[in-house]
Amino acid sequence: MSGSNRGGGDESWRPKTKPAPRPKGGGGSGGKEPPPDPCNITETTTLNSPNRTVLATLRAGDILSVVFQAGPPQRLVAEQTPGVVAGSITSPSMLQIIQCITQGGYTYVAEVLSIRGAICQVRVRPQ
């Protein structure tokens, strides 16, 4: 092979490596994104102990207020209007939602997704 330089130091045929791009962002944060908000909770669940009289007036898309009742017992409820409870809410994030309401000042709503007889499925989310 003519023109090869097997023992030499000419490596111009190799592509040059580029430095890794730095994340964009400024300030003192070092470009890191802030941690996710632990109160930004969205869950789909079914209302427990539903009030059939209230359910009869609800339709998909209706928005209920999520209210913490200190009890005893402590519970989260979905209210159609203040004091008119459609049912209670239990979910894996229930304790976190209670903490966000009581200590973080968050408010949550429960959007009615479907009603079939006494089964009311809602999506709980921050307001």
N, C-alpha and C. Protein backbone atom coordinates (compact mmCIF):
# COMPACT_ATOMS: atom_id res chain seq x y z
N MET A 1 0.84 -1.17 0.00
CA MET A 1 0.00 0.00 0.00
C MET A 1 0.88 1.22 0.00
N SER A 2 0.71 1.99 -0.98
CA SER A 2 1.54 3.17 -1.04
C SER A 2 0.87 4.30 -0.28
N GLY A 3 1.64 5.14 0.31
CA GLY A 3 1.14 6.30 1.02
C GLY A 3 0.69 6.02 2.43
N SER A 4 0.79 4.79 2.90
CA SER A 4 0.36 4.53 4.27
C SER A 4 1.51 4.83 5.20
N ASN A 5 1.16 5.24 6.36
CA ASN A 5 2.16 5.61 7.33
C ASN A 5 1.89 4.79 8.58
N ARG A 6 2.34 3.54 8.55
CA ARG A 6 2.00 2.63 9.62
C ARG A 6 2.68 2.99 10.92
N GLY A 7 3.80 3.47 10.93
CA GLY A 7 4.49 3.74 12.18
C GLY A 7 4.48 5.22 12.52
N GLY A 8 3.93 6.03 11.68
CA GLY A 8 4.02 7.47 11.87
C GLY A 8 2.91 8.01 12.76
N GLY A 9 2.96 9.31 13.01
CA GLY A 9 2.01 9.95 13.90
C GLY A 9 0.95 10.74 13.17
N ASP A 10 0.86 10.61 11.85
CA ASP A 10 -0.14 11.36 11.10
C ASP A 10 -1.50 10.69 11.24
N GLU A 11 -2.38 11.31 12.02
CA GLU A 11 -3.71 10.74 12.23
C GLU A 11 -4.79 11.70 11.73
N SER A 12 -4.48 12.41 10.66
CA SER A 12 -5.43 13.40 10.13
C SER A 12 -6.66 12.73 9.55
N TRP A 13 -6.63 11.45 9.30
CA TRP A 13 -7.78 10.73 8.75
C TRP A 13 -8.85 10.48 9.80
N ARG A 14 -8.49 10.56 11.10
CA ARG A 14 -9.46 10.30 12.17
C ARG A 14 -10.35 11.53 12.37
N PRO A 15 -11.65 11.29 12.58
CA PRO A 15 -12.52 12.43 12.82
C PRO A 15 -12.23 13.03 14.19
N LYS A 16 -12.37 14.33 14.26
CA LYS A 16 -12.14 15.04 15.51
C LYS A 16 -13.38 14.86 16.40
N THR A 17 -13.15 14.65 17.68
CA THR A 17 -14.26 14.54 18.63
C THR A 17 -14.68 15.94 19.05
N LYS A 18 -15.98 16.08 19.27
CA LYS A 18 -16.53 17.36 19.72
C LYS A 18 -16.85 17.25 21.20
N PRO A 19 -16.67 18.33 21.94
CA PRO A 19 -17.03 18.28 23.36
C PRO A 19 -18.54 18.11 23.51
N ALA A 20 -18.94 17.45 24.59
CA ALA A 20 -20.37 17.23 24.85
C ALA A 20 -21.05 18.58 25.05
N PRO A 21 -22.26 18.74 24.50
CA PRO A 21 -22.95 20.01 24.69
C PRO A 21 -23.34 20.20 26.14
N ARG A 22 -23.26 21.44 26.58
CA ARG A 22 -23.66 21.76 27.95
C ARG A 22 -25.15 22.07 27.98
N PRO A 23 -25.84 21.65 29.06
CA PRO A 23 -27.26 21.96 29.15
C PRO A 23 -27.47 23.46 29.22
N LYS A 24 -28.53 23.89 28.54
CA LYS A 24 -28.84 25.32 28.55
C LYS A 24 -29.50 25.67 29.87
N GLY A 25 -29.34 26.89 30.24
CA GLY A 25 -29.91 27.35 31.50
C GLY A 25 -28.90 28.28 32.12
N GLY A 26 -29.38 29.15 32.90
CA GLY A 26 -28.45 30.11 33.45
C GLY A 26 -28.60 30.19 34.95
N GLY A 27 -28.10 31.26 35.45
CA GLY A 27 -28.23 31.51 36.88
C GLY A 27 -27.36 30.57 37.69
N GLY A 28 -27.65 30.52 38.96
CA GLY A 28 -26.86 29.72 39.87
C GLY A 28 -27.31 28.28 39.95
N SER A 29 -28.28 27.89 39.14
CA SER A 29 -28.79 26.53 39.25
C SER A 29 -27.90 25.52 38.56
N GLY A 30 -26.91 25.99 37.81
CA GLY A 30 -26.03 25.06 37.13
C GLY A 30 -26.71 24.38 35.96
N GLY A 31 -27.84 24.92 35.49
CA GLY A 31 -28.54 24.35 34.36
C GLY A 31 -29.44 23.19 34.71
N LYS A 32 -29.52 22.83 35.96
CA LYS A 32 -30.38 21.71 36.36
C LYS A 32 -31.83 22.16 36.45
N GLU A 33 -32.72 21.24 36.11
CA GLU A 33 -34.15 21.55 36.24
C GLU A 33 -34.55 21.40 37.70
N PRO A 34 -35.53 22.19 38.12
CA PRO A 34 -35.98 22.05 39.51
C PRO A 34 -36.63 20.69 39.71
N PRO A 35 -36.62 20.18 40.94
CA PRO A 35 -37.25 18.88 41.18
C PRO A 35 -38.75 18.97 40.94
N PRO A 36 -39.38 17.86 40.60
CA PRO A 36 -40.82 17.88 40.35
C PRO A 36 -41.59 18.26 41.62
N ASP A 37 -42.71 18.92 41.44
CA ASP A 37 -43.55 19.34 42.57
C ASP A 37 -44.29 18.12 43.13
N PRO A 38 -44.07 17.76 44.40
CA PRO A 38 -44.73 16.58 44.96
C PRO A 38 -46.23 16.77 45.09
N CYS A 39 -46.73 17.99 44.94
CA CYS A 39 -48.18 18.24 45.04
C CYS A 39 -48.85 18.26 43.67
N ASN A 40 -48.09 18.07 42.62
CA ASN A 40 -48.66 18.02 41.28
C ASN A 40 -49.13 16.59 41.01
N ILE A 41 -50.24 16.23 41.64
CA ILE A 41 -50.76 14.86 41.63
C ILE A 41 -52.01 14.81 40.77
N THR A 42 -52.04 13.88 39.83
CA THR A 42 -53.23 13.61 39.04
C THR A 42 -53.48 12.12 39.09
N GLU A 43 -54.67 11.74 39.55
CA GLU A 43 -55.02 10.32 39.68
C GLU A 43 -56.46 10.09 39.28
N THR A 44 -56.70 8.91 38.74
CA THR A 44 -58.06 8.48 38.44
C THR A 44 -58.46 7.48 39.51
N THR A 45 -59.64 7.67 40.08
CA THR A 45 -60.12 6.80 41.14
C THR A 45 -61.65 6.73 41.11
N THR A 46 -62.20 5.87 41.92
CA THR A 46 -63.64 5.72 42.03
C THR A 46 -64.07 6.27 43.39
N LEU A 47 -65.18 7.03 43.40
CA LEU A 47 -65.69 7.55 44.66
C LEU A 47 -66.18 6.41 45.54
N ASN A 48 -65.84 6.47 46.81
CA ASN A 48 -66.31 5.49 47.79
C ASN A 48 -67.54 6.04 48.50
N SER A 49 -68.38 5.17 48.99
CA SER A 49 -69.60 5.53 49.70
C SER A 49 -70.34 6.65 48.97
N PRO A 50 -70.65 6.43 47.69
CA PRO A 50 -71.27 7.50 46.91
C PRO A 50 -72.67 7.83 47.42
N ASN A 51 -73.02 9.10 47.32
CA ASN A 51 -74.36 9.58 47.66
C ASN A 51 -75.18 9.49 46.37
N ARG A 52 -76.09 8.53 46.31
CA ARG A 52 -76.86 8.28 45.08
C ARG A 52 -77.69 9.48 44.66
N THR A 53 -78.17 10.24 45.62
CA THR A 53 -78.97 11.43 45.30
C THR A 53 -78.11 12.45 44.56
N VAL A 54 -76.88 12.64 45.02
CA VAL A 54 -75.97 13.58 44.36
C VAL A 54 -75.54 13.03 43.01
N LEU A 55 -75.21 11.74 42.94
CA LEU A 55 -74.76 11.14 41.69
C LEU A 55 -75.81 11.28 40.59
N ALA A 56 -77.08 11.23 40.96
CA ALA A 56 -78.16 11.35 39.98
C ALA A 56 -78.15 12.71 39.28
N THR A 57 -77.52 13.70 39.88
CA THR A 57 -77.48 15.04 39.29
C THR A 57 -76.18 15.32 38.53
N LEU A 58 -75.23 14.40 38.61
CA LEU A 58 -73.92 14.63 37.99
C LEU A 58 -73.85 14.06 36.58
N ARG A 59 -72.98 14.67 35.78
CA ARG A 59 -72.70 14.22 34.42
C ARG A 59 -71.19 14.23 34.20
N ALA A 60 -70.73 13.46 33.23
CA ALA A 60 -69.32 13.46 32.87
C ALA A 60 -68.90 14.89 32.54
N GLY A 61 -67.76 15.30 33.07
CA GLY A 61 -67.25 16.65 32.84
C GLY A 61 -67.52 17.59 34.00
N ASP A 62 -68.45 17.22 34.91
CA ASP A 62 -68.71 18.06 36.08
C ASP A 62 -67.47 18.09 36.97
N ILE A 63 -67.27 19.23 37.62
CA ILE A 63 -66.12 19.42 38.50
C ILE A 63 -66.59 19.49 39.95
N LEU A 64 -66.01 18.62 40.78
CA LEU A 64 -66.31 18.59 42.21
C LEU A 64 -65.10 19.13 42.98
N SER A 65 -65.36 19.73 44.11
CA SER A 65 -64.27 20.20 44.97
C SER A 65 -63.78 19.06 45.84
N VAL A 66 -62.47 18.94 45.98
CA VAL A 66 -61.88 17.95 46.88
C VAL A 66 -61.62 18.66 48.20
N VAL A 67 -62.22 18.13 49.27
CA VAL A 67 -62.16 18.78 50.58
C VAL A 67 -61.62 17.80 51.60
N PHE A 68 -60.71 18.28 52.46
CA PHE A 68 -60.19 17.47 53.55
C PHE A 68 -61.07 17.69 54.77
N GLN A 69 -61.59 16.59 55.31
CA GLN A 69 -62.36 16.64 56.56
C GLN A 69 -61.49 16.06 57.66
N ALA A 70 -61.20 16.90 58.67
CA ALA A 70 -60.27 16.51 59.73
C ALA A 70 -60.80 15.38 60.61
N GLY A 71 -62.10 15.20 60.64
CA GLY A 71 -62.69 14.08 61.35
C GLY A 71 -62.69 14.22 62.86
N PRO A 72 -62.68 13.16 63.60
CA PRO A 72 -62.34 11.83 63.14
C PRO A 72 -63.54 11.16 62.45
N PRO A 73 -63.27 10.28 61.53
CA PRO A 73 -61.98 9.96 60.92
C PRO A 73 -61.60 11.01 59.87
N GLN A 74 -60.30 11.12 59.62
CA GLN A 74 -59.84 12.01 58.56
C GLN A 74 -60.21 11.40 57.22
N ARG A 75 -60.68 12.26 56.31
CA ARG A 75 -60.98 11.74 54.97
C ARG A 75 -61.01 12.86 53.95
N LEU A 76 -60.86 12.46 52.71
CA LEU A 76 -61.01 13.36 51.58
C LEU A 76 -62.37 13.09 50.97
N VAL A 77 -63.10 14.15 50.66
CA VAL A 77 -64.40 13.97 50.03
C VAL A 77 -64.48 14.84 48.78
N ALA A 78 -65.36 14.44 47.87
CA ALA A 78 -65.66 15.22 46.68
C ALA A 78 -67.02 15.85 46.91
N GLU A 79 -67.04 17.19 46.89
CA GLU A 79 -68.28 17.90 47.15
C GLU A 79 -68.80 18.57 45.88
N GLN A 80 -70.11 18.44 45.68
CA GLN A 80 -70.76 19.12 44.55
C GLN A 80 -70.83 20.62 44.84
N THR A 81 -71.32 20.94 46.03
CA THR A 81 -71.33 22.30 46.56
C THR A 81 -70.89 22.17 48.02
N PRO A 82 -70.51 23.25 48.67
CA PRO A 82 -70.05 23.11 50.07
C PRO A 82 -71.06 22.35 50.93
N GLY A 83 -70.59 21.26 51.54
CA GLY A 83 -71.43 20.45 52.41
C GLY A 83 -72.22 19.36 51.72
N VAL A 84 -72.27 19.36 50.38
CA VAL A 84 -73.02 18.34 49.63
C VAL A 84 -72.00 17.35 49.06
N VAL A 85 -71.82 16.24 49.78
CA VAL A 85 -70.77 15.27 49.46
C VAL A 85 -71.28 14.25 48.44
N ALA A 86 -70.50 14.10 47.35
CA ALA A 86 -70.81 13.09 46.34
C ALA A 86 -70.23 11.74 46.75
N GLY A 87 -69.11 11.74 47.46
CA GLY A 87 -68.48 10.51 47.90
C GLY A 87 -67.09 10.81 48.44
N SER A 88 -66.47 9.79 49.00
CA SER A 88 -65.13 9.97 49.55
C SER A 88 -64.08 9.48 48.56
N ILE A 89 -62.87 9.97 48.75
CA ILE A 89 -61.77 9.64 47.85
C ILE A 89 -60.70 8.89 48.62
N THR A 90 -60.37 7.72 48.13
CA THR A 90 -59.20 7.00 48.64
C THR A 90 -58.33 6.70 47.43
N SER A 91 -57.05 6.89 47.58
CA SER A 91 -56.12 6.63 46.48
C SER A 91 -54.74 6.42 47.08
N PRO A 92 -53.81 5.89 46.29
CA PRO A 92 -52.45 5.71 46.80
C PRO A 92 -51.81 7.03 47.25
N SER A 93 -52.23 8.15 46.69
CA SER A 93 -51.63 9.45 47.03
C SER A 93 -52.47 10.23 48.03
N MET A 94 -53.43 9.60 48.67
CA MET A 94 -54.35 10.30 49.55
C MET A 94 -53.61 11.07 50.65
N LEU A 95 -52.66 10.45 51.32
CA LEU A 95 -51.94 11.14 52.40
C LEU A 95 -51.14 12.32 51.87
N GLN A 96 -50.55 12.17 50.68
CA GLN A 96 -49.80 13.28 50.08
C GLN A 96 -50.74 14.43 49.72
N ILE A 97 -51.91 14.12 49.19
CA ILE A 97 -52.89 15.16 48.85
C ILE A 97 -53.33 15.89 50.11
N ILE A 98 -53.60 15.15 51.19
CA ILE A 98 -53.99 15.78 52.45
C ILE A 98 -52.90 16.72 52.94
N GLN A 99 -51.65 16.28 52.87
CA GLN A 99 -50.54 17.12 53.30
C GLN A 99 -50.43 18.37 52.42
N CYS A 100 -50.64 18.23 51.14
CA CYS A 100 -50.55 19.39 50.24
C CYS A 100 -51.68 20.37 50.51
N ILE A 101 -52.87 19.88 50.87
CA ILE A 101 -53.99 20.76 51.20
C ILE A 101 -53.74 21.47 52.52
N THR A 102 -53.36 20.71 53.54
CA THR A 102 -53.25 21.28 54.88
C THR A 102 -51.99 22.09 55.10
N GLN A 103 -50.87 21.68 54.49
CA GLN A 103 -49.61 22.37 54.74
C GLN A 103 -49.12 23.21 53.57
N GLY A 104 -49.56 22.85 52.37
CA GLY A 104 -49.08 23.56 51.19
C GLY A 104 -50.06 24.55 50.61
N GLY A 105 -51.30 24.54 51.11
CA GLY A 105 -52.29 25.48 50.61
C GLY A 105 -52.83 25.14 49.23
N TYR A 106 -52.63 23.92 48.77
CA TYR A 106 -53.13 23.51 47.46
C TYR A 106 -54.62 23.24 47.52
N THR A 107 -55.28 23.40 46.38
CA THR A 107 -56.67 22.98 46.23
C THR A 107 -56.73 21.98 45.08
N TYR A 108 -57.60 21.02 45.23
CA TYR A 108 -57.75 19.97 44.23
C TYR A 108 -59.22 19.90 43.80
N VAL A 109 -59.43 19.39 42.60
CA VAL A 109 -60.77 19.14 42.10
C VAL A 109 -60.84 17.69 41.64
N ALA A 110 -62.07 17.20 41.53
CA ALA A 110 -62.31 15.86 41.01
C ALA A 110 -63.24 16.02 39.81
N GLU A 111 -62.73 15.73 38.63
CA GLU A 111 -63.54 15.82 37.41
C GLU A 111 -64.24 14.49 37.21
N VAL A 112 -65.55 14.54 37.04
CA VAL A 112 -66.33 13.33 36.81
C VAL A 112 -66.01 12.80 35.41
N LEU A 113 -65.54 11.55 35.35
CA LEU A 113 -65.22 10.92 34.08
C LEU A 113 -66.38 10.07 33.58
N SER A 114 -67.00 9.32 34.51
CA SER A 114 -68.13 8.48 34.12
C SER A 114 -68.94 8.10 35.34
N ILE A 115 -70.22 7.81 35.09
CA ILE A 115 -71.12 7.33 36.14
C ILE A 115 -71.89 6.15 35.56
N ARG A 116 -71.80 5.03 36.25
CA ARG A 116 -72.54 3.82 35.87
C ARG A 116 -73.19 3.28 37.12
N GLY A 117 -74.47 3.55 37.26
CA GLY A 117 -75.17 3.15 38.48
C GLY A 117 -74.61 3.93 39.65
N ALA A 118 -74.08 3.19 40.64
CA ALA A 118 -73.52 3.85 41.82
C ALA A 118 -72.00 3.98 41.73
N ILE A 119 -71.44 3.71 40.56
CA ILE A 119 -69.99 3.80 40.37
C ILE A 119 -69.66 5.09 39.65
N CYS A 120 -68.91 5.96 40.33
CA CYS A 120 -68.53 7.25 39.77
C CYS A 120 -67.01 7.32 39.71
N GLN A 121 -66.50 7.39 38.49
CA GLN A 121 -65.05 7.48 38.30
C GLN A 121 -64.69 8.96 38.12
N VAL A 122 -63.66 9.40 38.84
CA VAL A 122 -63.22 10.80 38.80
C VAL A 122 -61.72 10.89 38.58
N ARG A 123 -61.28 12.03 38.07
CA ARG A 123 -59.85 12.33 37.96
C ARG A 123 -59.56 13.46 38.94
N VAL A 124 -58.74 13.15 39.93
CA VAL A 124 -58.34 14.14 40.94
C VAL A 124 -57.09 14.84 40.42
N ARG A 125 -57.10 16.18 40.50
CA ARG A 125 -55.97 16.97 40.01
C ARG A 125 -55.94 18.31 40.74
N PRO A 126 -54.79 18.99 40.73
CA PRO A 126 -54.74 20.32 41.33
C PRO A 126 -55.62 21.28 40.54
N GLN A 127 -56.13 22.27 41.25
CA GLN A 127 -56.98 23.25 40.57
C GLN A 127 -56.14 24.32 39.96
